[in-house]
Amino acid sequence: MHKLEEELGGLLLRRENSLTHLTDFGRLVRPHLEQMMAQADAAKSTAMRFLRMDNAPINLGEMCSVGPVRFMGFFAEFCTTLRAAI
């Protein structure tokens, strides 16, 4: 908390014995800090979904020498295998 106060340039909390209260400055920046925490949590969730490959985009292509009929057979088998893995 002290490092954050140093970085922001003001006291966020008023410390009185065992009681702690937000200062006026703390109340002013609180919504911004809460928004930053929410965005950080969202970024972590997005990263974890990506790393687990949840809803990961996949690009497939075929060469003209393969032909759509052979490709569709491969694609159907690929989808079946993928569904079984989930």
PDB file of N, CA and C in Angstrom:
ATOM      1  N   MET A   1       0.835  -1.186   0.000  1.00  0.00           N
ATOM      2  CA  MET A   1       0.000   0.000   0.000  1.00  0.00           C
ATOM      3  C   MET A   1       0.879   1.248   0.000  1.00  0.00           C
ATOM      4  N   HIS A   2       1.966   1.184   0.755  1.00  0.00           N
ATOM      5  CA  HIS A   2       2.864   2.334   0.809  1.00  0.00           C
ATOM      6  C   HIS A   2       3.478   2.622  -0.564  1.00  0.00           C
ATOM      7  N   LYS A   3       3.837   1.566  -1.294  1.00  0.00           N
ATOM      8  CA  LYS A   3       4.411   1.772  -2.629  1.00  0.00           C
ATOM      9  C   LYS A   3       3.393   2.418  -3.558  1.00  0.00           C
ATOM     10  N   LEU A   4       2.134   1.984  -3.466  1.00  0.00           N
ATOM     11  CA  LEU A   4       1.085   2.576  -4.292  1.00  0.00           C
ATOM     12  C   LEU A   4       0.892   4.041  -3.932  1.00  0.00           C
ATOM     13  N   GLU A   5       0.908   4.351  -2.653  1.00  0.00           N
ATOM     14  CA  GLU A   5       0.778   5.739  -2.225  1.00  0.00           C
ATOM     15  C   GLU A   5       1.949   6.572  -2.734  1.00  0.00           C
ATOM     16  N   GLU A   6       3.140   6.009  -2.695  1.00  0.00           N
ATOM     17  CA  GLU A   6       4.309   6.722  -3.221  1.00  0.00           C
ATOM     18  C   GLU A   6       4.159   6.975  -4.717  1.00  0.00           C
ATOM     19  N   GLU A   7       3.701   5.956  -5.419  1.00  0.00           N
ATOM     20  CA  GLU A   7       3.563   6.095  -6.873  1.00  0.00           C
ATOM     21  C   GLU A   7       2.498   7.118  -7.239  1.00  0.00           C
ATOM     22  N   LEU A   8       1.408   7.132  -6.503  1.00  0.00           N
ATOM     23  CA  LEU A   8       0.317   8.063  -6.807  1.00  0.00           C
ATOM     24  C   LEU A   8       0.578   9.459  -6.245  1.00  0.00           C
ATOM     25  N   GLY A   9       1.448   9.545  -5.261  1.00  0.00           N
ATOM     26  CA  GLY A   9       1.820  10.847  -4.736  1.00  0.00           C
ATOM     27  C   GLY A   9       0.960  11.358  -3.606  1.00  0.00           C
ATOM     28  N   GLY A  10       0.235  10.491  -2.939  1.00  0.00           N
ATOM     29  CA  GLY A  10      -0.587  10.941  -1.815  1.00  0.00           C
ATOM     30  C   GLY A  10      -1.027   9.768  -0.965  1.00  0.00           C
ATOM     31  N   LEU A  11      -1.503  10.082   0.235  1.00  0.00           N
ATOM     32  CA  LEU A  11      -1.970   9.044   1.157  1.00  0.00           C
ATOM     33  C   LEU A  11      -3.365   8.573   0.758  1.00  0.00           C
ATOM     34  N   LEU A  12      -3.514   7.279   0.662  1.00  0.00           N
ATOM     35  CA  LEU A  12      -4.816   6.691   0.343  1.00  0.00           C
ATOM     36  C   LEU A  12      -5.585   6.350   1.613  1.00  0.00           C
ATOM     37  N   LEU A  13      -4.837   6.003   2.644  1.00  0.00           N
ATOM     38  CA  LEU A  13      -5.453   5.579   3.902  1.00  0.00           C
ATOM     39  C   LEU A  13      -4.976   6.434   5.058  1.00  0.00           C
ATOM     40  N   ARG A  14      -5.882   6.652   6.003  1.00  0.00           N
ATOM     41  CA  ARG A  14      -5.538   7.301   7.262  1.00  0.00           C
ATOM     42  C   ARG A  14      -5.514   6.185   8.302  1.00  0.00           C
ATOM     43  N   ARG A  15      -4.378   6.012   8.904  1.00  0.00           N
ATOM     44  CA  ARG A  15      -4.186   4.916   9.848  1.00  0.00           C
ATOM     45  C   ARG A  15      -4.214   5.470  11.272  1.00  0.00           C
ATOM     46  N   GLU A  16      -5.158   4.984  12.054  1.00  0.00           N
ATOM     47  CA  GLU A  16      -5.301   5.418  13.452  1.00  0.00           C
ATOM     48  C   GLU A  16      -5.359   4.173  14.330  1.00  0.00           C
ATOM     49  N   ASN A  17      -4.259   3.877  14.977  1.00  0.00           N
ATOM     50  CA  ASN A  17      -4.159   2.677  15.822  1.00  0.00           C
ATOM     51  C   ASN A  17      -4.584   1.451  15.018  1.00  0.00           C
ATOM     52  N   SER A  18      -5.688   0.828  15.381  1.00  0.00           N
ATOM     53  CA  SER A  18      -6.140  -0.367  14.658  1.00  0.00           C
ATOM     54  C   SER A  18      -7.195  -0.027  13.604  1.00  0.00           C
ATOM     55  N   LEU A  19      -7.552   1.239  13.470  1.00  0.00           N
ATOM     56  CA  LEU A  19      -8.561   1.654  12.492  1.00  0.00           C
ATOM     57  C   LEU A  19      -7.893   2.227  11.254  1.00  0.00           C
ATOM     58  N   THR A  20      -8.491   1.948  10.121  1.00  0.00           N
ATOM     59  CA  THR A  20      -7.990   2.478   8.850  1.00  0.00           C
ATOM     60  C   THR A  20      -9.172   3.062   8.081  1.00  0.00           C
ATOM     61  N   HIS A  21      -8.991   4.273   7.554  1.00  0.00           N
ATOM     62  CA  HIS A  21     -10.046   4.954   6.796  1.00  0.00           C
ATOM     63  C   HIS A  21      -9.464   5.476   5.492  1.00  0.00           C
ATOM     64  N   LEU A  22     -10.301   5.514   4.461  1.00  0.00           N
ATOM     65  CA  LEU A  22      -9.871   6.136   3.208  1.00  0.00           C
ATOM     66  C   LEU A  22      -9.767   7.641   3.396  1.00  0.00           C
ATOM     67  N   THR A  23      -8.733   8.213   2.830  1.00  0.00           N
ATOM     68  CA  THR A  23      -8.613   9.672   2.812  1.00  0.00           C
ATOM     69  C   THR A  23      -9.479  10.195   1.672  1.00  0.00           C
ATOM     70  N   ASP A  24      -9.606  11.509   1.584  1.00  0.00           N
ATOM     71  CA  ASP A  24     -10.329  12.098   0.447  1.00  0.00           C
ATOM     72  C   ASP A  24      -9.663  11.678  -0.859  1.00  0.00           C
ATOM     73  N   PHE A  25      -8.339  11.684  -0.860  1.00  0.00           N
ATOM     74  CA  PHE A  25      -7.583  11.253  -2.045  1.00  0.00           C
ATOM     75  C   PHE A  25      -7.872   9.787  -2.359  1.00  0.00           C
ATOM     76  N   GLY A  26      -7.941   8.961  -1.334  1.00  0.00           N
ATOM     77  CA  GLY A  26      -8.254   7.546  -1.508  1.00  0.00           C
ATOM     78  C   GLY A  26      -9.632   7.340  -2.112  1.00  0.00           C
ATOM     79  N   ARG A  27     -10.614   8.110  -1.633  1.00  0.00           N
ATOM     80  CA  ARG A  27     -11.972   8.018  -2.193  1.00  0.00           C
ATOM     81  C   ARG A  27     -12.000   8.482  -3.648  1.00  0.00           C
ATOM     82  N   LEU A  28     -11.170   9.460  -3.973  1.00  0.00           N
ATOM     83  CA  LEU A  28     -11.121   9.989  -5.339  1.00  0.00           C
ATOM     84  C   LEU A  28     -10.568   8.956  -6.325  1.00  0.00           C
ATOM     85  N   VAL A  29      -9.501   8.269  -5.940  1.00  0.00           N
ATOM     86  CA  VAL A  29      -8.856   7.341  -6.880  1.00  0.00           C
ATOM     87  C   VAL A  29      -9.411   5.917  -6.792  1.00  0.00           C
ATOM     88  N   ARG A  30     -10.210   5.620  -5.776  1.00  0.00           N
ATOM     89  CA  ARG A  30     -10.742   4.262  -5.597  1.00  0.00           C
ATOM     90  C   ARG A  30     -11.442   3.715  -6.838  1.00  0.00           C
ATOM     91  N   PRO A  31     -12.345   4.454  -7.495  1.00  0.00           N
ATOM     92  CA  PRO A  31     -12.992   3.897  -8.686  1.00  0.00           C
ATOM     93  C   PRO A  31     -11.984   3.524  -9.788  1.00  0.00           C
ATOM     94  N   HIS A  32     -10.950   4.320  -9.929  1.00  0.00           N
ATOM     95  CA  HIS A  32      -9.928   4.036 -10.934  1.00  0.00           C
ATOM     96  C   HIS A  32      -9.155   2.761 -10.586  1.00  0.00           C
ATOM     97  N   LEU A  33      -8.824   2.629  -9.314  1.00  0.00           N
ATOM     98  CA  LEU A  33      -8.095   1.437  -8.869  1.00  0.00           C
ATOM     99  C   LEU A  33      -8.962   0.186  -8.998  1.00  0.00           C
ATOM    100  N   GLU A  34     -10.253   0.304  -8.673  1.00  0.00           N
ATOM    101  CA  GLU A  34     -11.167  -0.837  -8.827  1.00  0.00           C
ATOM    102  C   GLU A  34     -11.296  -1.226 -10.298  1.00  0.00           C
ATOM    103  N   GLN A  35     -11.364  -0.225 -11.173  1.00  0.00           N
ATOM    104  CA  GLN A  35     -11.451  -0.498 -12.609  1.00  0.00           C
ATOM    105  C   GLN A  35     -10.179  -1.186 -13.101  1.00  0.00           C
ATOM    106  N   MET A  36      -9.032  -0.734 -12.612  1.00  0.00           N
ATOM    107  CA  MET A  36      -7.768  -1.364 -12.998  1.00  0.00           C
ATOM    108  C   MET A  36      -7.718  -2.819 -12.541  1.00  0.00           C
ATOM    109  N   MET A  37      -8.198  -3.085 -11.331  1.00  0.00           N
ATOM    110  CA  MET A  37      -8.210  -4.462 -10.825  1.00  0.00           C
ATOM    111  C   MET A  37      -9.143  -5.335 -11.655  1.00  0.00           C
ATOM    112  N   ALA A  38     -10.300  -4.805 -12.016  1.00  0.00           N
ATOM    113  CA  ALA A  38     -11.239  -5.568 -12.840  1.00  0.00           C
ATOM    114  C   ALA A  38     -10.632  -5.864 -14.208  1.00  0.00           C
ATOM    115  N   GLN A  39      -9.958  -4.879 -14.793  1.00  0.00           N
ATOM    116  CA  GLN A  39      -9.324  -5.092 -16.091  1.00  0.00           C
ATOM    117  C   GLN A  39      -8.174  -6.086 -15.991  1.00  0.00           C
ATOM    118  N   ALA A  40      -7.432  -6.043 -14.904  1.00  0.00           N
ATOM    119  CA  ALA A  40      -6.343  -7.001 -14.704  1.00  0.00           C
ATOM    120  C   ALA A  40      -6.908  -8.418 -14.572  1.00  0.00           C
ATOM    121  N   ASP A  41      -8.010  -8.565 -13.835  1.00  0.00           N
ATOM    122  CA  ASP A  41      -8.649  -9.876 -13.702  1.00  0.00           C
ATOM    123  C   ASP A  41      -9.163 -10.367 -15.047  1.00  0.00           C
ATOM    124  N   ALA A  42      -9.749  -9.461 -15.840  1.00  0.00           N
ATOM    125  CA  ALA A  42     -10.244  -9.838 -17.168  1.00  0.00           C
ATOM    126  C   ALA A  42      -9.093 -10.268 -18.073  1.00  0.00           C
ATOM    127  N   ALA A  43      -7.971  -9.564 -17.991  1.00  0.00           N
ATOM    128  CA  ALA A  43      -6.802  -9.929 -18.801  1.00  0.00           C
ATOM    129  C   ALA A  43      -6.284 -11.310 -18.404  1.00  0.00           C
ATOM    130  N   LYS A  44      -6.255 -11.602 -17.106  1.00  0.00           N
ATOM    131  CA  LYS A  44      -5.815 -12.923 -16.637  1.00  0.00           C
ATOM    132  C   LYS A  44      -6.746 -14.005 -17.144  1.00  0.00           C
ATOM    133  N   SER A  45      -8.050 -13.756 -17.070  1.00  0.00           N
ATOM    134  CA  SER A  45      -9.028 -14.740 -17.544  1.00  0.00           C
ATOM    135  C   SER A  45      -8.883 -14.982 -19.041  1.00  0.00           C
ATOM    136  N   THR A  46      -8.706 -13.908 -19.799  1.00  0.00           N
ATOM    137  CA  THR A  46      -8.519 -14.034 -21.244  1.00  0.00           C
ATOM    138  C   THR A  46      -7.265 -14.831 -21.554  1.00  0.00           C
ATOM    139  N   ALA A  47      -6.200 -14.549 -20.840  1.00  0.00           N
ATOM    140  CA  ALA A  47      -4.941 -15.269 -21.053  1.00  0.00           C
ATOM    141  C   ALA A  47      -5.100 -16.748 -20.728  1.00  0.00           C
ATOM    142  N   MET A  48      -5.771 -17.063 -19.632  1.00  0.00           N
ATOM    143  CA  MET A  48      -5.955 -18.464 -19.251  1.00  0.00           C
ATOM    144  C   MET A  48      -6.816 -19.205 -20.267  1.00  0.00           C
ATOM    145  N   ARG A  49      -7.884 -18.556 -20.755  1.00  0.00           N
ATOM    146  CA  ARG A  49      -8.723 -19.192 -21.787  1.00  0.00           C
ATOM    147  C   ARG A  49      -7.917 -19.448 -23.051  1.00  0.00           C
ATOM    148  N   PHE A  50      -7.078 -18.500 -23.414  1.00  0.00           N
ATOM    149  CA  PHE A  50      -6.241 -18.666 -24.599  1.00  0.00           C
ATOM    150  C   PHE A  50      -5.270 -19.821 -24.414  1.00  0.00           C
ATOM    151  N   LEU A  51      -4.621 -19.870 -23.250  1.00  0.00           N
ATOM    152  CA  LEU A  51      -3.645 -20.920 -22.994  1.00  0.00           C
ATOM    153  C   LEU A  51      -4.296 -22.300 -22.920  1.00  0.00           C
ATOM    154  N   ARG A  52      -5.564 -22.347 -22.479  1.00  0.00           N
ATOM    155  CA  ARG A  52      -6.301 -23.618 -22.465  1.00  0.00           C
ATOM    156  C   ARG A  52      -6.921 -23.896 -23.835  1.00  0.00           C
ATOM    157  N   MET A  53      -6.809 -22.918 -24.723  1.00  0.00           N
ATOM    158  CA  MET A  53      -7.346 -22.983 -26.086  1.00  0.00           C
ATOM    159  C   MET A  53      -8.873 -23.035 -26.108  1.00  0.00           C
ATOM    160  N   ASP A  54      -9.517 -22.421 -25.098  1.00  0.00           N
ATOM    161  CA  ASP A  54     -10.967 -22.289 -25.106  1.00  0.00           C
ATOM    162  C   ASP A  54     -11.340 -21.289 -26.192  1.00  0.00           C
ATOM    163  N   ASN A  55     -12.177 -21.680 -27.082  1.00  0.00           N
ATOM    164  CA  ASN A  55     -12.639 -20.810 -28.173  1.00  0.00           C
ATOM    165  C   ASN A  55     -11.487 -20.244 -28.992  1.00  0.00           C
ATOM    166  N   ALA A  56     -10.401 -21.008 -29.112  1.00  0.00           N
ATOM    167  CA  ALA A  56      -9.254 -20.535 -29.886  1.00  0.00           C
ATOM    168  C   ALA A  56      -9.580 -20.622 -31.373  1.00  0.00           C
ATOM    169  N   PRO A  57      -9.283 -19.580 -32.116  1.00  0.00           N
ATOM    170  CA  PRO A  57      -9.539 -19.627 -33.555  1.00  0.00           C
ATOM    171  C   PRO A  57      -8.564 -20.585 -34.234  1.00  0.00           C
ATOM    172  N   ILE A  58      -9.024 -21.200 -35.267  1.00  0.00           N
ATOM    173  CA  ILE A  58      -8.170 -22.085 -36.046  1.00  0.00           C
ATOM    174  C   ILE A  58      -8.396 -21.758 -37.516  1.00  0.00           C
ATOM    175  N   ASN A  59      -7.323 -21.667 -38.243  1.00  0.00           N
ATOM    176  CA  ASN A  59      -7.397 -21.392 -39.675  1.00  0.00           C
ATOM    177  C   ASN A  59      -6.962 -22.637 -40.425  1.00  0.00           C
ATOM    178  N   LEU A  60      -7.793 -23.081 -41.337  1.00  0.00           N
ATOM    179  CA  LEU A  60      -7.485 -24.238 -42.165  1.00  0.00           C
ATOM    180  C   LEU A  60      -7.503 -23.812 -43.618  1.00  0.00           C
ATOM    181  N   GLY A  61      -6.674 -24.436 -44.367  1.00  0.00           N
ATOM    182  CA  GLY A  61      -6.655 -24.167 -45.804  1.00  0.00           C
ATOM    183  C   GLY A  61      -6.323 -25.445 -46.543  1.00  0.00           C
ATOM    184  N   GLU A  62      -6.537 -25.422 -47.809  1.00  0.00           N
ATOM    185  CA  GLU A  62      -6.223 -26.584 -48.628  1.00  0.00           C
ATOM    186  C   GLU A  62      -5.565 -26.122 -49.913  1.00  0.00           C
ATOM    187  N   MET A  63      -4.740 -26.969 -50.391  1.00  0.00           N
ATOM    188  CA  MET A  63      -4.120 -26.677 -51.678  1.00  0.00           C
ATOM    189  C   MET A  63      -5.067 -27.169 -52.767  1.00  0.00           C
ATOM    190  N   CYS A  64      -5.029 -26.533 -53.889  1.00  0.00           N
ATOM    191  CA  CYS A  64      -5.947 -26.904 -54.962  1.00  0.00           C
ATOM    192  C   CYS A  64      -5.720 -28.343 -55.436  1.00  0.00           C
ATOM    193  N   SER A  65      -4.528 -28.891 -55.208  1.00  0.00           N
ATOM    194  CA  SER A  65      -4.251 -30.266 -55.628  1.00  0.00           C
ATOM    195  C   SER A  65      -4.936 -31.301 -54.730  1.00  0.00           C
ATOM    196  N   VAL A  66      -5.359 -30.903 -53.519  1.00  0.00           N
ATOM    197  CA  VAL A  66      -6.021 -31.836 -52.609  1.00  0.00           C
ATOM    198  C   VAL A  66      -7.471 -32.028 -53.006  1.00  0.00           C
ATOM    199  N   GLY A  67      -8.147 -30.970 -53.301  1.00  0.00           N
ATOM    200  CA  GLY A  67      -9.550 -31.044 -53.697  1.00  0.00           C
ATOM    201  C   GLY A  67     -10.476 -30.981 -52.499  1.00  0.00           C
ATOM    202  N   PRO A  68     -11.641 -30.377 -52.694  1.00  0.00           N
ATOM    203  CA  PRO A  68     -12.571 -30.172 -51.580  1.00  0.00           C
ATOM    204  C   PRO A  68     -13.143 -31.473 -51.017  1.00  0.00           C
ATOM    205  N   VAL A  69     -13.313 -32.499 -51.827  1.00  0.00           N
ATOM    206  CA  VAL A  69     -13.907 -33.743 -51.332  1.00  0.00           C
ATOM    207  C   VAL A  69     -12.980 -34.400 -50.310  1.00  0.00           C
ATOM    208  N   ARG A  70     -11.703 -34.502 -50.643  1.00  0.00           N
ATOM    209  CA  ARG A  70     -10.751 -35.109 -49.710  1.00  0.00           C
ATOM    210  C   ARG A  70     -10.586 -34.240 -48.466  1.00  0.00           C
ATOM    211  N   PHE A  71     -10.596 -32.933 -48.649  1.00  0.00           N
ATOM    212  CA  PHE A  71     -10.442 -32.027 -47.515  1.00  0.00           C
ATOM    213  C   PHE A  71     -11.627 -32.143 -46.570  1.00  0.00           C
ATOM    214  N   MET A  72     -12.826 -32.230 -47.087  1.00  0.00           N
ATOM    215  CA  MET A  72     -14.015 -32.307 -46.239  1.00  0.00           C
ATOM    216  C   MET A  72     -14.015 -33.597 -45.423  1.00  0.00           C
ATOM    217  N   GLY A  73     -13.505 -34.686 -45.994  1.00  0.00           N
ATOM    218  CA  GLY A  73     -13.379 -35.927 -45.228  1.00  0.00           C
ATOM    219  C   GLY A  73     -12.432 -35.743 -44.058  1.00  0.00           C
ATOM    220  N   PHE A  74     -11.295 -35.128 -44.342  1.00  0.00           N
ATOM    221  CA  PHE A  74     -10.330 -34.841 -43.277  1.00  0.00           C
ATOM    222  C   PHE A  74     -10.953 -33.929 -42.225  1.00  0.00           C
ATOM    223  N   PHE A  75     -11.657 -32.898 -42.674  1.00  0.00           N
ATOM    224  CA  PHE A  75     -12.232 -31.920 -41.759  1.00  0.00           C
ATOM    225  C   PHE A  75     -13.291 -32.566 -40.861  1.00  0.00           C
ATOM    226  N   ALA A  76     -14.125 -33.430 -41.427  1.00  0.00           N
ATOM    227  CA  ALA A  76     -15.153 -34.117 -40.641  1.00  0.00           C
ATOM    228  C   ALA A  76     -14.502 -34.981 -39.557  1.00  0.00           C
ATOM    229  N   GLU A  77     -13.448 -35.703 -39.905  1.00  0.00           N
ATOM    230  CA  GLU A  77     -12.744 -36.533 -38.926  1.00  0.00           C
ATOM    231  C   GLU A  77     -12.078 -35.667 -37.858  1.00  0.00           C
ATOM    232  N   PHE A  78     -11.523 -34.550 -38.276  1.00  0.00           N
ATOM    233  CA  PHE A  78     -10.885 -33.621 -37.341  1.00  0.00           C
ATOM    234  C   PHE A  78     -11.911 -33.108 -36.318  1.00  0.00           C
ATOM    235  N   CYS A  79     -13.087 -32.715 -36.792  1.00  0.00           N
ATOM    236  CA  CYS A  79     -14.144 -32.193 -35.889  1.00  0.00           C
ATOM    237  C   CYS A  79     -14.596 -33.273 -34.923  1.00  0.00           C
ATOM    238  N   THR A  80     -14.726 -34.503 -35.387  1.00  0.00           N
ATOM    239  CA  THR A  80     -15.144 -35.605 -34.526  1.00  0.00           C
ATOM    240  C   THR A  80     -14.101 -35.837 -33.436  1.00  0.00           C
ATOM    241  N   THR A  81     -12.842 -35.836 -33.809  1.00  0.00           N
ATOM    242  CA  THR A  81     -11.740 -36.027 -32.848  1.00  0.00           C
ATOM    243  C   THR A  81     -11.716 -34.886 -31.839  1.00  0.00           C
ATOM    244  N   LEU A  82     -11.907 -33.687 -32.323  1.00  0.00           N
ATOM    245  CA  LEU A  82     -11.887 -32.511 -31.443  1.00  0.00           C
ATOM    246  C   LEU A  82     -13.020 -32.573 -30.436  1.00  0.00           C
ATOM    247  N   ARG A  83     -14.217 -32.920 -30.885  1.00  0.00           N
ATOM    248  CA  ARG A  83     -15.366 -33.018 -29.964  1.00  0.00           C
ATOM    249  C   ARG A  83     -15.150 -34.093 -28.907  1.00  0.00           C
ATOM    250  N   ALA A  84     -14.519 -35.206 -29.305  1.00  0.00           N
ATOM    251  CA  ALA A  84     -14.258 -36.296 -28.356  1.00  0.00           C
ATOM    252  C   ALA A  84     -13.255 -35.864 -27.306  1.00  0.00           C
ATOM    253  N   ALA A  85     -12.324 -34.998 -27.680  1.00  0.00           N
ATOM    254  CA  ALA A  85     -11.305 -34.531 -26.742  1.00  0.00           C
ATOM    255  C   ALA A  85     -11.868 -33.562 -25.718  1.00  0.00           C
ATOM    256  N   ILE A  86     -12.936 -32.895 -26.064  1.00  0.00           N
ATOM    257  CA  ILE A  86     -13.550 -31.906 -25.154  1.00  0.00           C
ATOM    258  C   ILE A  86     -14.436 -32.621 -24.223  1.00  0.00           C
TER     259      ILE A  86
END
